[in-house]
Amino acid sequence: MFLKQRESKHFHTGVKISDDGEFLMWNQYRRTYEGMASPLEQNERHIEVLKDAFGIINMPTRVGMRLSPVFHSYVLVSQNARIKRPKEFDTSKVIKADMLSTTIESQFDRAGFFDVLGSASRIVSKETLKDIAGQLIALHKPAPLDFAAKYKVAGNQTDVQANLIRHQCRNCGSEDLSVQYGRYGYYFKCAACEGNTPIKIGCGQVGHKERIRKQGLNFYRECADCGTSSLYYVNPS
C-alpha cells in the first residue's frame, strides 16, 4: 500500500532552492528573494502524523503480518511557476503539478524485480481502501476554539470587538450590512441600497492568503500560514 503525500504551493512569482535546501520566494515588490518555511519539511511532519494515525486504525495483514503504508512525499508547484534548482541539493520531490502522473509512472518503470514483488504484496482491494479511509476520517476531530478565552474577551464583548472596525457600503456609505456568500466568495450586502461591497482581507505577509470562516452569525478571518484566527464581523440576527 503506497500513499502519495502531496504539499501544494502556488509560487506565482517563482521559487529558488539553495544548495542547503532552503526555500526562497521572490518578492516582486522588494525585488529580492525572501526565506520561507520548507514545504519538504512541512510535508514530512504531515507524514509523521499520518504514521501515528495508521498505527491506531485496523490494517489488513499479509502472512500474519500487519501491512504498513509506504509514504512518498511530493511538493507540487504551479505549472506556470519557475523553479530555480540548486546543483547539490536533491529537489526530485519538488515537481510541477501537471508532472505528478508522469513522475509516479517513471518510478514504477525504474523499479527492480524485488521492488515490484514487494509492491504486489501491498496491493489491497477497493473495499479495503474505503474501510481505511473511513477509519482515518473518523479520527479527524477539529479542536474547538474558544475565541473569547483566546483573545481575553469577557461576556458579550466579542460582538463589540467585531464592530470596532466599521464597515460601510461602497455605494451609499451605509453601515447596515450583512455578510453574504456569492459566486466569488463572501461579500457585504447593503440593506439600504442593496449594493454589494467586496471583502478585502490580508495578513500582510507575502504569499499568505487569508480566508473567511463562518460560524453561526460570526465571521472570522483566518490565515493558515500564520496560524491566526480573529473575529471579523457579526451579522445582524
Protein backbone atom coordinates (compact mmCIF):
# COMPACT_ATOMS: atom_id res chain seq x y z
CA MET A 1 0.00 0.00 0.00
CA PHE A 2 1.55 3.26 -1.17
CA LEU A 3 0.49 6.76 -0.16
CA LYS A 4 1.47 9.89 -2.05
CA GLN A 5 1.59 12.77 0.43
CA ARG A 6 1.36 16.00 -1.55
CA GLU A 7 2.04 19.53 -0.36
CA SER A 8 0.80 22.02 -2.94
CA LYS A 9 2.28 25.51 -3.23
CA HIS A 10 1.37 28.37 -5.52
CA PHE A 11 4.56 30.28 -6.23
CA HIS A 12 3.18 32.71 -8.77
CA THR A 13 6.49 34.61 -8.86
CA GLY A 14 8.69 31.50 -8.76
CA VAL A 15 10.79 29.76 -6.12
CA LYS A 16 14.51 29.29 -5.59
CA ILE A 17 16.07 26.39 -3.65
CA SER A 18 19.59 26.76 -2.26
CA ASP A 19 22.27 24.06 -2.08
CA ASP A 20 21.42 23.74 1.63
CA GLY A 21 17.76 23.03 0.86
CA GLU A 22 16.49 26.46 1.88
CA PHE A 23 13.38 27.62 0.02
CA LEU A 24 13.32 31.24 -1.12
CA MET A 25 10.37 33.06 -2.64
CA TRP A 26 10.73 36.04 -4.92
CA ASN A 27 9.25 39.29 -3.61
CA GLN A 28 8.44 41.27 -6.72
CA TYR A 29 7.83 44.45 -4.74
CA ARG A 30 11.19 44.44 -2.94
CA ARG A 31 12.93 42.80 -5.92
CA THR A 32 14.66 40.21 -3.77
CA TYR A 33 14.33 36.64 -2.52
CA GLU A 34 12.87 36.06 0.94
CA GLY A 35 13.13 32.97 3.12
CA MET A 36 10.13 30.77 3.80
CA ALA A 37 9.28 27.56 5.65
CA SER A 38 10.44 24.45 3.80
CA PRO A 39 7.45 22.66 2.24
CA LEU A 40 9.54 19.47 2.21
CA GLU A 41 9.95 19.59 5.99
CA GLN A 42 6.30 20.56 6.35
CA ASN A 43 5.31 17.51 4.33
CA GLU A 44 7.49 15.23 6.46
CA ARG A 45 5.69 16.49 9.57
CA HIS A 46 2.38 15.65 7.93
CA ILE A 47 3.66 12.16 7.18
CA GLU A 48 4.67 11.64 10.81
CA VAL A 49 1.11 12.49 11.87
CA LEU A 50 -0.29 10.08 9.30
CA LYS A 51 2.05 7.32 10.52
CA ASP A 52 0.67 7.75 14.02
CA ALA A 53 -2.87 7.58 12.63
CA PHE A 54 -2.15 4.38 10.70
CA GLY A 55 -0.74 2.89 13.89
CA ILE A 56 -4.15 3.33 15.54
CA ILE A 57 -6.56 2.05 12.89
CA ASN A 58 -7.17 -1.56 11.81
CA MET A 59 -4.98 -2.53 8.86
CA PRO A 60 -5.05 -5.65 6.64
CA THR A 61 -2.44 -8.38 7.12
CA ARG A 62 -0.27 -10.46 4.80
CA VAL A 63 1.04 -13.83 6.03
CA GLY A 64 0.10 -12.82 9.55
CA MET A 65 1.97 -9.51 9.32
CA ARG A 66 0.26 -6.13 9.59
CA LEU A 67 0.59 -4.02 6.45
CA SER A 68 2.12 -0.59 6.85
CA PRO A 69 1.85 2.00 4.08
CA VAL A 70 4.91 3.32 2.29
CA PHE A 71 4.83 7.11 2.05
CA HIS A 72 6.13 9.12 -0.87
CA SER A 73 6.49 12.84 -0.36
CA TYR A 74 5.94 15.36 -3.14
CA VAL A 75 5.79 19.13 -3.24
CA LEU A 76 3.59 20.26 -6.11
CA VAL A 77 4.28 23.63 -7.65
CA SER A 78 2.06 25.51 -10.07
CA GLN A 79 2.84 24.53 -13.66
CA ASN A 80 3.35 28.19 -14.55
CA ALA A 81 5.82 28.88 -11.73
CA ARG A 82 9.57 28.95 -12.30
CA ILE A 83 11.71 26.64 -10.14
CA LYS A 84 15.34 27.66 -9.74
CA ARG A 85 17.02 24.42 -8.68
CA PRO A 86 20.44 24.03 -7.00
CA LYS A 87 23.26 21.80 -8.20
CA GLU A 88 23.81 19.92 -4.94
CA PHE A 89 20.51 19.58 -3.06
CA ASP A 90 18.11 16.85 -4.27
CA THR A 91 14.91 18.51 -5.49
CA SER A 92 13.41 15.47 -7.22
CA LYS A 93 10.46 15.63 -4.82
CA VAL A 94 9.64 19.18 -5.95
CA ILE A 95 7.72 18.86 -9.21
CA LYS A 96 5.23 20.75 -11.36
CA ALA A 97 1.64 19.75 -10.61
CA ASP A 98 1.00 18.55 -14.16
CA MET A 99 4.00 16.20 -13.96
CA LEU A 100 2.75 14.15 -10.98
CA SER A 101 1.32 11.26 -13.02
CA THR A 102 4.42 11.06 -15.22
CA THR A 103 6.70 11.10 -12.17
CA ILE A 104 4.80 8.25 -10.49
CA GLU A 105 4.81 6.19 -13.69
CA SER A 106 8.56 6.74 -14.06
CA GLN A 107 9.09 5.43 -10.54
CA PHE A 108 7.37 2.17 -11.39
CA ASP A 109 9.26 1.90 -14.69
CA ARG A 110 12.60 2.21 -12.85
CA ALA A 111 11.62 -0.25 -10.11
CA GLY A 112 13.56 -3.52 -9.95
CA PHE A 113 12.17 -7.05 -9.66
CA PHE A 114 12.16 -7.13 -5.86
CA ASP A 115 10.60 -3.68 -5.72
CA VAL A 116 7.79 -4.86 -7.98
CA LEU A 117 7.39 -8.05 -5.91
CA GLY A 118 7.19 -6.00 -2.72
CA SER A 119 4.66 -3.67 -4.31
CA ALA A 120 2.43 -6.56 -5.35
CA SER A 121 2.33 -7.84 -1.78
CA ARG A 122 0.95 -4.49 -0.63
CA ILE A 123 -1.96 -4.31 -3.07
CA VAL A 124 -5.33 -4.07 -1.34
CA SER A 125 -8.88 -4.14 -2.65
CA LYS A 126 -11.06 -1.11 -3.31
CA GLU A 127 -13.31 -2.11 -0.40
CA THR A 128 -10.30 -2.25 1.93
CA LEU A 129 -9.22 1.22 0.84
CA LYS A 130 -12.70 2.55 1.58
CA ASP A 131 -12.59 0.98 5.03
CA ILE A 132 -9.17 2.52 5.77
CA ALA A 133 -10.34 5.92 4.53
CA GLY A 134 -13.42 5.71 6.75
CA GLN A 135 -11.29 4.94 9.80
CA LEU A 136 -8.99 7.89 9.07
CA ILE A 137 -11.95 10.25 8.66
CA ALA A 138 -13.35 9.06 11.99
CA LEU A 139 -10.07 10.11 13.66
CA HIS A 140 -10.43 13.68 12.47
CA LYS A 141 -11.69 15.81 15.35
CA PRO A 142 -11.19 19.57 14.83
CA ALA A 143 -10.08 21.24 18.03
CA PRO A 144 -12.78 23.59 19.39
CA LEU A 145 -11.60 27.18 19.64
CA ASP A 146 -12.73 29.39 22.49
CA PHE A 147 -12.21 32.76 20.84
CA ALA A 148 -13.37 34.68 23.91
CA ALA A 149 -10.70 32.99 26.03
CA LYS A 150 -8.05 33.19 23.32
CA TYR A 151 -8.45 36.94 22.89
CA LYS A 152 -9.33 37.52 26.56
CA VAL A 153 -12.76 38.92 25.75
CA ALA A 154 -15.30 38.72 28.57
CA GLY A 155 -19.04 38.12 28.20
CA ASN A 156 -20.61 39.59 25.07
CA GLN A 157 -17.64 41.82 24.29
CA THR A 158 -16.88 39.58 21.30
CA ASP A 159 -19.61 41.38 19.38
CA VAL A 160 -18.20 44.73 20.43
CA GLN A 161 -14.72 43.78 19.24
CA ALA A 162 -16.04 42.76 15.83
CA ASN A 163 -17.78 46.10 15.38
CA LEU A 164 -14.74 48.20 16.37
CA ILE A 165 -13.84 48.16 12.67
CA ARG A 166 -16.72 49.96 10.99
CA HIS A 167 -17.59 48.66 7.53
CA GLN A 168 -19.51 50.79 5.07
CA CYS A 169 -21.26 50.19 1.78
CA ARG A 170 -19.06 51.42 -1.06
CA ASN A 171 -22.14 52.70 -2.92
CA CYS A 172 -24.11 54.67 -0.31
CA GLY A 173 -21.91 54.64 2.79
CA SER A 174 -24.49 52.84 4.92
CA GLU A 175 -23.34 50.58 7.76
CA ASP A 176 -26.47 48.44 7.55
CA LEU A 177 -24.59 45.49 6.13
CA SER A 178 -24.60 41.72 6.30
CA VAL A 179 -22.03 39.22 5.07
CA GLN A 180 -23.33 37.03 2.24
CA TYR A 181 -21.79 34.29 0.13
CA GLY A 182 -21.80 34.51 -3.65
CA ARG A 183 -20.08 33.22 -6.75
CA TYR A 184 -16.75 34.84 -5.88
CA GLY A 185 -16.85 34.21 -2.14
CA TYR A 186 -18.00 36.31 0.81
CA TYR A 187 -19.08 39.94 0.38
CA PHE A 188 -21.07 42.66 2.18
CA LYS A 189 -24.73 43.15 1.17
CA CYS A 190 -26.21 46.56 1.90
CA ALA A 191 -29.77 46.62 3.26
CA ALA A 192 -30.15 50.30 2.36
CA CYS A 193 -29.31 50.29 -1.35
CA GLU A 194 -28.93 46.52 -1.95
CA GLY A 195 -25.46 47.16 -3.31
CA ASN A 196 -22.52 44.76 -2.94
CA THR A 197 -19.18 45.58 -1.35
CA PRO A 198 -16.25 43.15 -1.73
CA ILE A 199 -14.46 41.91 1.39
CA LYS A 200 -10.73 42.51 1.15
CA ILE A 201 -8.53 40.92 3.81
CA GLY A 202 -4.87 40.03 4.13
CA CYS A 203 -2.45 39.31 6.96
CA GLY A 204 0.28 41.40 5.32
CA GLN A 205 2.67 38.51 4.66
CA VAL A 206 3.75 37.87 1.06
CA GLY A 207 2.37 34.60 -0.27
CA HIS A 208 -0.17 34.20 2.54
CA LYS A 209 -3.87 34.07 1.78
CA GLU A 210 -6.46 34.78 4.45
CA ARG A 211 -9.93 33.29 4.23
CA ILE A 212 -13.30 33.96 5.83
CA ARG A 213 -14.83 31.25 8.03
CA LYS A 214 -18.49 31.35 9.04
CA GLN A 215 -19.72 30.14 12.43
CA GLY A 216 -23.36 31.00 13.00
CA LEU A 217 -23.68 34.77 12.75
CA ASN A 218 -19.96 35.26 13.35
CA PHE A 219 -17.39 35.55 10.58
CA TYR A 220 -13.70 35.02 11.28
CA ARG A 221 -10.66 35.94 9.21
CA GLU A 222 -8.06 33.20 9.30
CA CYS A 223 -4.56 32.68 7.91
CA ALA A 224 -3.43 29.05 7.82
CA ASP A 225 0.22 30.03 7.23
CA CYS A 226 0.30 32.32 10.26
CA GLY A 227 -1.98 30.11 12.35
CA THR A 228 -4.16 33.09 13.26
CA SER A 229 -7.93 33.47 13.61
CA SER A 230 -9.83 36.60 14.65
CA LEU A 231 -13.43 37.74 14.69
CA TYR A 232 -14.08 39.91 11.61
CA TYR A 233 -17.80 40.66 11.56
CA VAL A 234 -21.10 39.67 13.20
CA ASN A 235 -24.22 39.56 11.04
CA PRO A 236 -27.41 41.10 12.43
CA SER A 237 -29.74 38.46 13.84
